[in-house]
Amino acid sequence: MLLAEMLEQMGHTVCGVAATEQAAVAAAAAQLPDLIIADARLGHGSGLAAMSEILRRHDVAHIFMSGDILSLAEQRPDAVLLEKPFQQQDLERGIRRAFDSKTI
């Protein structure tokens, strides 16, 4: 929820927050967001698996966040990664990179 608050303070609209892999996939299908920020670990399932499923259906800019960025970088070397804990400027930079990488 802190991430949603931070994004809203930055002027973004948060259309959904999901705590499980299944909920993330369903929310993305229902909302078709411009950007998804996925935690690598979810309560039930994986943010990585959720994004794989979402990307099969909808090309969307995305960021993975994790406290274990090295392991995540090995699994997704081309992904935009955000290491927890992070500051607002890190999030802003990650969002720019996510949109830039989507346009390539």
PDB file of N, CA and C in Angstrom:
ATOM      1  N   MET A   1       0.815  -1.187   0.000  1.00  0.00           N
ATOM      2  CA  MET A   1       0.000   0.000   0.000  1.00  0.00           C
ATOM      3  C   MET A   1       0.863   1.258   0.000  1.00  0.00           C
ATOM      4  N   LEU A   2       2.038   1.188   0.600  1.00  0.00           N
ATOM      5  CA  LEU A   2       2.928   2.353   0.588  1.00  0.00           C
ATOM      6  C   LEU A   2       3.331   2.707  -0.837  1.00  0.00           C
ATOM      7  N   LEU A   3       3.531   1.713  -1.672  1.00  0.00           N
ATOM      8  CA  LEU A   3       3.877   1.952  -3.067  1.00  0.00           C
ATOM      9  C   LEU A   3       2.736   2.669  -3.771  1.00  0.00           C
ATOM     10  N   ALA A   4       1.510   2.245  -3.549  1.00  0.00           N
ATOM     11  CA  ALA A   4       0.351   2.900  -4.168  1.00  0.00           C
ATOM     12  C   ALA A   4       0.277   4.360  -3.735  1.00  0.00           C
ATOM     13  N   GLU A   5       0.491   4.617  -2.464  1.00  0.00           N
ATOM     14  CA  GLU A   5       0.477   5.996  -1.968  1.00  0.00           C
ATOM     15  C   GLU A   5       1.579   6.823  -2.609  1.00  0.00           C
ATOM     16  N   MET A   6       2.779   6.247  -2.720  1.00  0.00           N
ATOM     17  CA  MET A   6       3.893   6.953  -3.330  1.00  0.00           C
ATOM     18  C   MET A   6       3.582   7.283  -4.791  1.00  0.00           C
ATOM     19  N   LEU A   7       3.035   6.328  -5.513  1.00  0.00           N
ATOM     20  CA  LEU A   7       2.689   6.548  -6.921  1.00  0.00           C
ATOM     21  C   LEU A   7       1.636   7.634  -7.065  1.00  0.00           C
ATOM     22  N   GLU A   8       0.632   7.624  -6.211  1.00  0.00           N
ATOM     23  CA  GLU A   8      -0.406   8.645  -6.269  1.00  0.00           C
ATOM     24  C   GLU A   8       0.152  10.023  -5.937  1.00  0.00           C
ATOM     25  N   GLN A   9       1.066  10.098  -4.991  1.00  0.00           N
ATOM     26  CA  GLN A   9       1.709  11.372  -4.665  1.00  0.00           C
ATOM     27  C   GLN A   9       2.553  11.886  -5.823  1.00  0.00           C
ATOM     28  N   MET A  10       3.035  10.975  -6.662  1.00  0.00           N
ATOM     29  CA  MET A  10       3.814  11.352  -7.836  1.00  0.00           C
ATOM     30  C   MET A  10       2.916  11.751  -9.007  1.00  0.00           C
ATOM     31  N   GLY A  11       1.592  11.634  -8.827  1.00  0.00           N
ATOM     32  CA  GLY A  11       0.655  12.032  -9.869  1.00  0.00           C
ATOM     33  C   GLY A  11       0.120  10.908 -10.724  1.00  0.00           C
ATOM     34  N   HIS A  12       0.436   9.669 -10.381  1.00  0.00           N
ATOM     35  CA  HIS A  12      -0.052   8.518 -11.133  1.00  0.00           C
ATOM     36  C   HIS A  12      -1.388   8.046 -10.563  1.00  0.00           C
ATOM     37  N   THR A  13      -2.162   7.380 -11.385  1.00  0.00           N
ATOM     38  CA  THR A  13      -3.407   6.760 -10.950  1.00  0.00           C
ATOM     39  C   THR A  13      -3.146   5.273 -10.747  1.00  0.00           C
ATOM     40  N   VAL A  14      -3.459   4.782  -9.578  1.00  0.00           N
ATOM     41  CA  VAL A  14      -3.298   3.361  -9.272  1.00  0.00           C
ATOM     42  C   VAL A  14      -4.654   2.699  -9.493  1.00  0.00           C
ATOM     43  N   CYS A  15      -4.703   1.791 -10.460  1.00  0.00           N
ATOM     44  CA  CYS A  15      -5.983   1.169 -10.803  1.00  0.00           C
ATOM     45  C   CYS A  15      -6.199  -0.154 -10.083  1.00  0.00           C
ATOM     46  N   GLY A  16      -5.190  -0.654  -9.395  1.00  0.00           N
ATOM     47  CA  GLY A  16      -5.378  -1.898  -8.670  1.00  0.00           C
ATOM     48  C   GLY A  16      -4.138  -2.308  -7.911  1.00  0.00           C
ATOM     49  N   VAL A  17      -4.351  -3.039  -6.848  1.00  0.00           N
ATOM     50  CA  VAL A  17      -3.280  -3.615  -6.045  1.00  0.00           C
ATOM     51  C   VAL A  17      -3.651  -5.076  -5.837  1.00  0.00           C
ATOM     52  N   ALA A  18      -2.732  -5.979  -6.141  1.00  0.00           N
ATOM     53  CA  ALA A  18      -3.007  -7.415  -6.012  1.00  0.00           C
ATOM     54  C   ALA A  18      -1.937  -8.067  -5.152  1.00  0.00           C
ATOM     55  N   ALA A  19      -2.351  -8.973  -4.297  1.00  0.00           N
ATOM     56  CA  ALA A  19      -1.421  -9.639  -3.388  1.00  0.00           C
ATOM     57  C   ALA A  19      -1.090 -11.064  -3.806  1.00  0.00           C
ATOM     58  N   THR A  20      -1.791 -11.578  -4.822  1.00  0.00           N
ATOM     59  CA  THR A  20      -1.542 -12.946  -5.271  1.00  0.00           C
ATOM     60  C   THR A  20      -1.324 -12.959  -6.783  1.00  0.00           C
ATOM     61  N   GLU A  21      -0.717 -14.029  -7.259  1.00  0.00           N
ATOM     62  CA  GLU A  21      -0.475 -14.185  -8.695  1.00  0.00           C
ATOM     63  C   GLU A  21      -1.789 -14.153  -9.466  1.00  0.00           C
ATOM     64  N   GLN A  22      -2.760 -14.913  -9.027  1.00  0.00           N
ATOM     65  CA  GLN A  22      -4.051 -14.986  -9.707  1.00  0.00           C
ATOM     66  C   GLN A  22      -4.744 -13.620  -9.727  1.00  0.00           C
ATOM     67  N   ALA A  23      -4.716 -12.909  -8.607  1.00  0.00           N
ATOM     68  CA  ALA A  23      -5.351 -11.592  -8.544  1.00  0.00           C
ATOM     69  C   ALA A  23      -4.647 -10.592  -9.454  1.00  0.00           C
ATOM     70  N   ALA A  24      -3.325 -10.698  -9.547  1.00  0.00           N
ATOM     71  CA  ALA A  24      -2.564  -9.786 -10.419  1.00  0.00           C
ATOM     72  C   ALA A  24      -2.938 -10.005 -11.882  1.00  0.00           C
ATOM     73  N   VAL A  25      -3.023 -11.239 -12.297  1.00  0.00           N
ATOM     74  CA  VAL A  25      -3.391 -11.559 -13.686  1.00  0.00           C
ATOM     75  C   VAL A  25      -4.807 -11.066 -13.974  1.00  0.00           C
ATOM     76  N   ALA A  26      -5.726 -11.310 -13.054  1.00  0.00           N
ATOM     77  CA  ALA A  26      -7.119 -10.886 -13.236  1.00  0.00           C
ATOM     78  C   ALA A  26      -7.224  -9.361 -13.277  1.00  0.00           C
ATOM     79  N   ALA A  27      -6.521  -8.672 -12.386  1.00  0.00           N
ATOM     80  CA  ALA A  27      -6.578  -7.209 -12.360  1.00  0.00           C
ATOM     81  C   ALA A  27      -6.012  -6.613 -13.640  1.00  0.00           C
ATOM     82  N   ALA A  28      -4.912  -7.163 -14.130  1.00  0.00           N
ATOM     83  CA  ALA A  28      -4.316  -6.661 -15.369  1.00  0.00           C
ATOM     84  C   ALA A  28      -5.262  -6.864 -16.547  1.00  0.00           C
ATOM     85  N   ALA A  29      -5.940  -7.996 -16.593  1.00  0.00           N
ATOM     86  CA  ALA A  29      -6.881  -8.273 -17.683  1.00  0.00           C
ATOM     87  C   ALA A  29      -8.078  -7.324 -17.620  1.00  0.00           C
ATOM     88  N   ALA A  30      -8.530  -7.013 -16.432  1.00  0.00           N
ATOM     89  CA  ALA A  30      -9.702  -6.152 -16.270  1.00  0.00           C
ATOM     90  C   ALA A  30      -9.374  -4.675 -16.493  1.00  0.00           C
ATOM     91  N   GLN A  31      -8.197  -4.239 -16.072  1.00  0.00           N
ATOM     92  CA  GLN A  31      -7.856  -2.819 -16.093  1.00  0.00           C
ATOM     93  C   GLN A  31      -7.015  -2.379 -17.291  1.00  0.00           C
ATOM     94  N   LEU A  32      -6.250  -3.302 -17.883  1.00  0.00           N
ATOM     95  CA  LEU A  32      -5.309  -2.986 -18.974  1.00  0.00           C
ATOM     96  C   LEU A  32      -4.463  -1.745 -18.650  1.00  0.00           C
ATOM     97  N   PRO A  33      -3.656  -1.832 -17.603  1.00  0.00           N
ATOM     98  CA  PRO A  33      -2.861  -0.671 -17.179  1.00  0.00           C
ATOM     99  C   PRO A  33      -1.734  -0.361 -18.157  1.00  0.00           C
ATOM    100  N   ASP A  34      -1.195   0.861 -18.046  1.00  0.00           N
ATOM    101  CA  ASP A  34      -0.048   1.280 -18.850  1.00  0.00           C
ATOM    102  C   ASP A  34       1.264   0.761 -18.267  1.00  0.00           C
ATOM    103  N   LEU A  35       1.262   0.513 -16.962  1.00  0.00           N
ATOM    104  CA  LEU A  35       2.467   0.092 -16.241  1.00  0.00           C
ATOM    105  C   LEU A  35       2.061  -0.858 -15.125  1.00  0.00           C
ATOM    106  N   ILE A  36       2.872  -1.883 -14.932  1.00  0.00           N
ATOM    107  CA  ILE A  36       2.685  -2.791 -13.797  1.00  0.00           C
ATOM    108  C   ILE A  36       3.987  -2.841 -13.019  1.00  0.00           C
ATOM    109  N   ILE A  37       3.883  -2.681 -11.715  1.00  0.00           N
ATOM    110  CA  ILE A  37       5.024  -2.847 -10.826  1.00  0.00           C
ATOM    111  C   ILE A  37       4.740  -4.111 -10.029  1.00  0.00           C
ATOM    112  N   ALA A  38       5.518  -5.144 -10.305  1.00  0.00           N
ATOM    113  CA  ALA A  38       5.252  -6.460  -9.722  1.00  0.00           C
ATOM    114  C   ALA A  38       6.329  -6.837  -8.725  1.00  0.00           C
ATOM    115  N   ASP A  39       5.908  -7.212  -7.535  1.00  0.00           N
ATOM    116  CA  ASP A  39       6.837  -7.760  -6.554  1.00  0.00           C
ATOM    117  C   ASP A  39       7.174  -9.176  -7.015  1.00  0.00           C
ATOM    118  N   ALA A  40       8.437  -9.530  -6.957  1.00  0.00           N
ATOM    119  CA  ALA A  40       8.856 -10.856  -7.403  1.00  0.00           C
ATOM    120  C   ALA A  40       8.170 -11.956  -6.598  1.00  0.00           C
ATOM    121  N   ARG A  41       7.884 -11.685  -5.338  1.00  0.00           N
ATOM    122  CA  ARG A  41       7.227 -12.677  -4.481  1.00  0.00           C
ATOM    123  C   ARG A  41       5.860 -12.152  -4.072  1.00  0.00           C
ATOM    124  N   LEU A  42       4.867 -12.977  -4.258  1.00  0.00           N
ATOM    125  CA  LEU A  42       3.516 -12.629  -3.847  1.00  0.00           C
ATOM    126  C   LEU A  42       3.048 -13.616  -2.788  1.00  0.00           C
ATOM    127  N   GLY A  43       1.955 -13.287  -2.135  1.00  0.00           N
ATOM    128  CA  GLY A  43       1.430 -14.155  -1.088  1.00  0.00           C
ATOM    129  C   GLY A  43       1.198 -15.580  -1.568  1.00  0.00           C
ATOM    130  N   HIS A  44       0.549 -15.721  -2.683  1.00  0.00           N
ATOM    131  CA  HIS A  44       0.313 -17.025  -3.296  1.00  0.00           C
ATOM    132  C   HIS A  44       0.777 -16.916  -4.733  1.00  0.00           C
ATOM    133  N   GLY A  45       1.935 -17.488  -5.011  1.00  0.00           N
ATOM    134  CA  GLY A  45       2.460 -17.450  -6.365  1.00  0.00           C
ATOM    135  C   GLY A  45       3.630 -16.495  -6.507  1.00  0.00           C
ATOM    136  N   SER A  46       3.880 -16.131  -7.745  1.00  0.00           N
ATOM    137  CA  SER A  46       5.066 -15.357  -8.075  1.00  0.00           C
ATOM    138  C   SER A  46       4.703 -14.178  -8.963  1.00  0.00           C
ATOM    139  N   GLY A  47       5.300 -13.037  -8.690  1.00  0.00           N
ATOM    140  CA  GLY A  47       5.130 -11.890  -9.562  1.00  0.00           C
ATOM    141  C   GLY A  47       5.734 -12.136 -10.928  1.00  0.00           C
ATOM    142  N   LEU A  48       6.800 -12.943 -10.975  1.00  0.00           N
ATOM    143  CA  LEU A  48       7.425 -13.283 -12.260  1.00  0.00           C
ATOM    144  C   LEU A  48       6.467 -14.107 -13.117  1.00  0.00           C
ATOM    145  N   ALA A  49       5.834 -15.094 -12.505  1.00  0.00           N
ATOM    146  CA  ALA A  49       4.877 -15.929 -13.235  1.00  0.00           C
ATOM    147  C   ALA A  49       3.661 -15.108 -13.650  1.00  0.00           C
ATOM    148  N   ALA A  50       3.207 -14.237 -12.775  1.00  0.00           N
ATOM    149  CA  ALA A  50       2.065 -13.382 -13.108  1.00  0.00           C
ATOM    150  C   ALA A  50       2.387 -12.514 -14.310  1.00  0.00           C
ATOM    151  N   MET A  51       3.574 -11.904 -14.332  1.00  0.00           N
ATOM    152  CA  MET A  51       3.942 -11.044 -15.460  1.00  0.00           C
ATOM    153  C   MET A  51       4.091 -11.848 -16.738  1.00  0.00           C
ATOM    154  N   SER A  52       4.592 -13.036 -16.653  1.00  0.00           N
ATOM    155  CA  SER A  52       4.695 -13.886 -17.852  1.00  0.00           C
ATOM    156  C   SER A  52       3.314 -14.117 -18.451  1.00  0.00           C
ATOM    157  N   GLU A  53       2.348 -14.409 -17.604  1.00  0.00           N
ATOM    158  CA  GLU A  53       0.978 -14.625 -18.078  1.00  0.00           C
ATOM    159  C   GLU A  53       0.369 -13.329 -18.615  1.00  0.00           C
ATOM    160  N   ILE A  54       0.571 -12.247 -17.920  1.00  0.00           N
ATOM    161  CA  ILE A  54       0.034 -10.953 -18.361  1.00  0.00           C
ATOM    162  C   ILE A  54       0.619 -10.570 -19.718  1.00  0.00           C
ATOM    163  N   LEU A  55       1.923 -10.755 -19.888  1.00  0.00           N
ATOM    164  CA  LEU A  55       2.578 -10.368 -21.138  1.00  0.00           C
ATOM    165  C   LEU A  55       2.157 -11.239 -22.316  1.00  0.00           C
ATOM    166  N   ARG A  56       1.668 -12.425 -22.054  1.00  0.00           N
ATOM    167  CA  ARG A  56       1.132 -13.261 -23.133  1.00  0.00           C
ATOM    168  C   ARG A  56      -0.133 -12.639 -23.722  1.00  0.00           C
ATOM    169  N   ARG A  57      -0.828 -11.863 -22.897  1.00  0.00           N
ATOM    170  CA  ARG A  57      -2.111 -11.288 -23.305  1.00  0.00           C
ATOM    171  C   ARG A  57      -2.035  -9.807 -23.660  1.00  0.00           C
ATOM    172  N   HIS A  58      -1.101  -9.085 -23.036  1.00  0.00           N
ATOM    173  CA  HIS A  58      -1.098  -7.620 -23.123  1.00  0.00           C
ATOM    174  C   HIS A  58       0.334  -7.114 -22.979  1.00  0.00           C
ATOM    175  N   ASP A  59       0.817  -6.401 -23.980  1.00  0.00           N
ATOM    176  CA  ASP A  59       2.152  -5.811 -23.910  1.00  0.00           C
ATOM    177  C   ASP A  59       2.077  -4.580 -23.016  1.00  0.00           C
ATOM    178  N   VAL A  60       2.743  -4.632 -21.897  1.00  0.00           N
ATOM    179  CA  VAL A  60       2.650  -3.552 -20.916  1.00  0.00           C
ATOM    180  C   VAL A  60       4.037  -3.278 -20.329  1.00  0.00           C
ATOM    181  N   ALA A  61       4.337  -1.999 -20.132  1.00  0.00           N
ATOM    182  CA  ALA A  61       5.570  -1.632 -19.439  1.00  0.00           C
ATOM    183  C   ALA A  61       5.505  -2.205 -18.025  1.00  0.00           C
ATOM    184  N   HIS A  62       6.634  -2.703 -17.550  1.00  0.00           N
ATOM    185  CA  HIS A  62       6.609  -3.308 -16.213  1.00  0.00           C
ATOM    186  C   HIS A  62       7.959  -3.191 -15.519  1.00  0.00           C
ATOM    187  N   ILE A  63       7.871  -3.262 -14.209  1.00  0.00           N
ATOM    188  CA  ILE A  63       9.025  -3.211 -13.315  1.00  0.00           C
ATOM    189  C   ILE A  63       8.864  -4.352 -12.323  1.00  0.00           C
ATOM    190  N   PHE A  64       9.969  -5.037 -12.056  1.00  0.00           N
ATOM    191  CA  PHE A  64       9.966  -6.029 -10.981  1.00  0.00           C
ATOM    192  C   PHE A  64      10.688  -5.423  -9.790  1.00  0.00           C
ATOM    193  N   MET A  65      10.123  -5.604  -8.606  1.00  0.00           N
ATOM    194  CA  MET A  65      10.810  -5.153  -7.396  1.00  0.00           C
ATOM    195  C   MET A  65      11.061  -6.352  -6.494  1.00  0.00           C
ATOM    196  N   SER A  66      12.200  -6.275  -5.792  1.00  0.00           N
ATOM    197  CA  SER A  66      12.589  -7.389  -4.934  1.00  0.00           C
ATOM    198  C   SER A  66      13.644  -6.931  -3.942  1.00  0.00           C
ATOM    199  N   GLY A  67      13.710  -7.615  -2.841  1.00  0.00           N
ATOM    200  CA  GLY A  67      14.786  -7.400  -1.892  1.00  0.00           C
ATOM    201  C   GLY A  67      16.034  -8.175  -2.277  1.00  0.00           C
ATOM    202  N   ASP A  68      15.887  -9.118  -3.206  1.00  0.00           N
ATOM    203  CA  ASP A  68      16.994  -9.954  -3.685  1.00  0.00           C
ATOM    204  C   ASP A  68      17.203  -9.679  -5.174  1.00  0.00           C
ATOM    205  N   ILE A  69      17.761  -8.533  -5.474  1.00  0.00           N
ATOM    206  CA  ILE A  69      17.880  -8.078  -6.857  1.00  0.00           C
ATOM    207  C   ILE A  69      18.845  -8.934  -7.677  1.00  0.00           C
ATOM    208  N   LEU A  70      19.862  -9.505  -7.043  1.00  0.00           N
ATOM    209  CA  LEU A  70      20.830 -10.319  -7.788  1.00  0.00           C
ATOM    210  C   LEU A  70      20.187 -11.576  -8.345  1.00  0.00           C
ATOM    211  N   SER A  71      19.404 -12.248  -7.541  1.00  0.00           N
ATOM    212  CA  SER A  71      18.710 -13.447  -8.000  1.00  0.00           C
ATOM    213  C   SER A  71      17.718 -13.107  -9.104  1.00  0.00           C
ATOM    214  N   LEU A  72      17.033 -12.012  -8.940  1.00  0.00           N
ATOM    215  CA  LEU A  72      16.058 -11.574  -9.935  1.00  0.00           C
ATOM    216  C   LEU A  72      16.741 -11.209 -11.249  1.00  0.00           C
ATOM    217  N   ALA A  73      17.889 -10.558 -11.176  1.00  0.00           N
ATOM    218  CA  ALA A  73      18.639 -10.179 -12.380  1.00  0.00           C
ATOM    219  C   ALA A  73      19.095 -11.407 -13.155  1.00  0.00           C
ATOM    220  N   GLU A  74      19.414 -12.473 -12.458  1.00  0.00           N
ATOM    221  CA  GLU A  74      19.800 -13.719 -13.131  1.00  0.00           C
ATOM    222  C   GLU A  74      18.614 -14.325 -13.882  1.00  0.00           C
ATOM    223  N   GLN A  75      17.436 -14.233 -13.288  1.00  0.00           N
ATOM    224  CA  GLN A  75      16.243 -14.808 -13.898  1.00  0.00           C
ATOM    225  C   GLN A  75      15.694 -13.946 -15.029  1.00  0.00           C
ATOM    226  N   ARG A  76      15.804 -12.643 -14.908  1.00  0.00           N
ATOM    227  CA  ARG A  76      15.265 -11.695 -15.888  1.00  0.00           C
ATOM    228  C   ARG A  76      16.311 -10.630 -16.214  1.00  0.00           C
ATOM    229  N   PRO A  77      17.363 -10.987 -16.964  1.00  0.00           N
ATOM    230  CA  PRO A  77      18.471 -10.050 -17.191  1.00  0.00           C
ATOM    231  C   PRO A  77      18.089  -8.773 -17.940  1.00  0.00           C
ATOM    232  N   ASP A  78      17.031  -8.797 -18.733  1.00  0.00           N
ATOM    233  CA  ASP A  78      16.639  -7.611 -19.489  1.00  0.00           C
ATOM    234  C   ASP A  78      15.541  -6.791 -18.815  1.00  0.00           C
ATOM    235  N   ALA A  79      15.102  -7.210 -17.662  1.00  0.00           N
ATOM    236  CA  ALA A  79      13.985  -6.549 -16.979  1.00  0.00           C
ATOM    237  C   ALA A  79      14.433  -5.270 -16.279  1.00  0.00           C
ATOM    238  N   VAL A  80      13.485  -4.385 -16.078  1.00  0.00           N
ATOM    239  CA  VAL A  80      13.708  -3.211 -15.239  1.00  0.00           C
ATOM    240  C   VAL A  80      13.484  -3.672 -13.805  1.00  0.00           C
ATOM    241  N   LEU A  81      14.500  -3.488 -12.975  1.00  0.00           N
ATOM    242  CA  LEU A  81      14.474  -3.993 -11.601  1.00  0.00           C
ATOM    243  C   LEU A  81      14.582  -2.850 -10.607  1.00  0.00           C
ATOM    244  N   LEU A  82      13.878  -2.982  -9.525  1.00  0.00           N
ATOM    245  CA  LEU A  82      13.885  -1.988  -8.460  1.00  0.00           C
ATOM    246  C   LEU A  82      14.149  -2.727  -7.152  1.00  0.00           C
ATOM    247  N   GLU A  83      15.254  -2.386  -6.511  1.00  0.00           N
ATOM    248  CA  GLU A  83      15.626  -3.074  -5.276  1.00  0.00           C
ATOM    249  C   GLU A  83      14.977  -2.416  -4.070  1.00  0.00           C
ATOM    250  N   LYS A  84      14.346  -3.251  -3.238  1.00  0.00           N
ATOM    251  CA  LYS A  84      13.748  -2.763  -1.997  1.00  0.00           C
ATOM    252  C   LYS A  84      14.809  -2.733  -0.908  1.00  0.00           C
ATOM    253  N   PRO A  85      14.789  -1.791  -0.037  1.00  0.00           N
ATOM    254  CA  PRO A  85      13.932  -0.608  -0.030  1.00  0.00           C
ATOM    255  C   PRO A  85      14.419   0.406  -1.073  1.00  0.00           C
ATOM    256  N   PHE A  86      13.512   1.236  -1.551  1.00  0.00           N
ATOM    257  CA  PHE A  86      13.875   2.225  -2.561  1.00  0.00           C
ATOM    258  C   PHE A  86      13.292   3.589  -2.199  1.00  0.00           C
ATOM    259  N   GLN A  87      13.832   4.586  -2.845  1.00  0.00           N
ATOM    260  CA  GLN A  87      13.384   5.964  -2.654  1.00  0.00           C
ATOM    261  C   GLN A  87      12.543   6.386  -3.855  1.00  0.00           C
ATOM    262  N   GLN A  88      11.850   7.499  -3.734  1.00  0.00           N
ATOM    263  CA  GLN A  88      11.001   7.976  -4.813  1.00  0.00           C
ATOM    264  C   GLN A  88      11.787   8.194  -6.101  1.00  0.00           C
ATOM    265  N   GLN A  89      13.007   8.743  -6.013  1.00  0.00           N
ATOM    266  CA  GLN A  89      13.785   8.980  -7.229  1.00  0.00           C
ATOM    267  C   GLN A  89      14.162   7.665  -7.921  1.00  0.00           C
ATOM    268  N   ASP A  90      14.343   6.584  -7.151  1.00  0.00           N
ATOM    269  CA  ASP A  90      14.609   5.272  -7.745  1.00  0.00           C
ATOM    270  C   ASP A  90      13.381   4.786  -8.505  1.00  0.00           C
ATOM    271  N   LEU A  91      12.211   4.993  -7.920  1.00  0.00           N
ATOM    272  CA  LEU A  91      10.966   4.600  -8.558  1.00  0.00           C
ATOM    273  C   LEU A  91      10.747   5.411  -9.837  1.00  0.00           C
ATOM    274  N   GLU A  92      10.972   6.705  -9.770  1.00  0.00           N
ATOM    275  CA  GLU A  92      10.823   7.560 -10.956  1.00  0.00           C
ATOM    276  C   GLU A  92      11.741   7.093 -12.080  1.00  0.00           C
ATOM    277  N   ARG A  93      12.969   6.799 -11.748  1.00  0.00           N
ATOM    278  CA  ARG A  93      13.949   6.317 -12.733  1.00  0.00           C
ATOM    279  C   ARG A  93      13.504   4.976 -13.320  1.00  0.00           C
ATOM    280  N   GLY A  94      13.014   4.092 -12.483  1.00  0.00           N
ATOM    281  CA  GLY A  94      12.536   2.795 -12.942  1.00  0.00           C
ATOM    282  C   GLY A  94      11.341   2.927 -13.883  1.00  0.00           C
ATOM    283  N   ILE A  95      10.425   3.827 -13.566  1.00  0.00           N
ATOM    284  CA  ILE A  95       9.260   4.043 -14.423  1.00  0.00           C
ATOM    285  C   ILE A  95       9.700   4.544 -15.798  1.00  0.00           C
ATOM    286  N   ARG A  96      10.607   5.506 -15.816  1.00  0.00           N
ATOM    287  CA  ARG A  96      11.128   6.001 -17.115  1.00  0.00           C
ATOM    288  C   ARG A  96      11.772   4.877 -17.913  1.00  0.00           C
ATOM    289  N   ARG A  97      12.584   4.061 -17.241  1.00  0.00           N
ATOM    290  CA  ARG A  97      13.250   2.948 -17.928  1.00  0.00           C
ATOM    291  C   ARG A  97      12.246   1.928 -18.452  1.00  0.00           C
ATOM    292  N   ALA A  98      11.200   1.652 -17.686  1.00  0.00           N
ATOM    293  CA  ALA A  98      10.190   0.693 -18.111  1.00  0.00           C
ATOM    294  C   ALA A  98       9.484   1.166 -19.381  1.00  0.00           C
ATOM    295  N   PHE A  99       9.113   2.433 -19.424  1.00  0.00           N
ATOM    296  CA  PHE A  99       8.460   2.968 -20.622  1.00  0.00           C
ATOM    297  C   PHE A  99       9.433   3.056 -21.796  1.00  0.00           C
ATOM    298  N   ASP A 100      10.688   3.429 -21.515  1.00  0.00           N
ATOM    299  CA  ASP A 100      11.693   3.500 -22.577  1.00  0.00           C
ATOM    300  C   ASP A 100      11.962   2.123 -23.180  1.00  0.00           C
ATOM    301  N   SER A 101      12.048   1.101 -22.344  1.00  0.00           N
ATOM    302  CA  SER A 101      12.347  -0.239 -22.846  1.00  0.00           C
ATOM    303  C   SER A 101      11.176  -0.830 -23.617  1.00  0.00           C
ATOM    304  N   LYS A 102       9.963  -0.393 -23.310  1.00  0.00           N
ATOM    305  CA  LYS A 102       8.787  -0.877 -24.017  1.00  0.00           C
ATOM    306  C   LYS A 102       8.744  -0.324 -25.444  1.00  0.00           C
ATOM    307  N   THR A 103       9.290   0.856 -25.665  1.00  0.00           N
ATOM    308  CA  THR A 103       9.229   1.490 -26.978  1.00  0.00           C
ATOM    309  C   THR A 103      10.341   1.025 -27.900  1.00  0.00           C
ATOM    310  N   ILE A 104      11.279   0.265 -27.376  1.00  0.00           N
ATOM    311  CA  ILE A 104      12.405  -0.206 -28.203  1.00  0.00           C
ATOM    312  C   ILE A 104      11.973  -1.360 -29.065  1.00  0.00           C
TER     313      ILE A 104
END
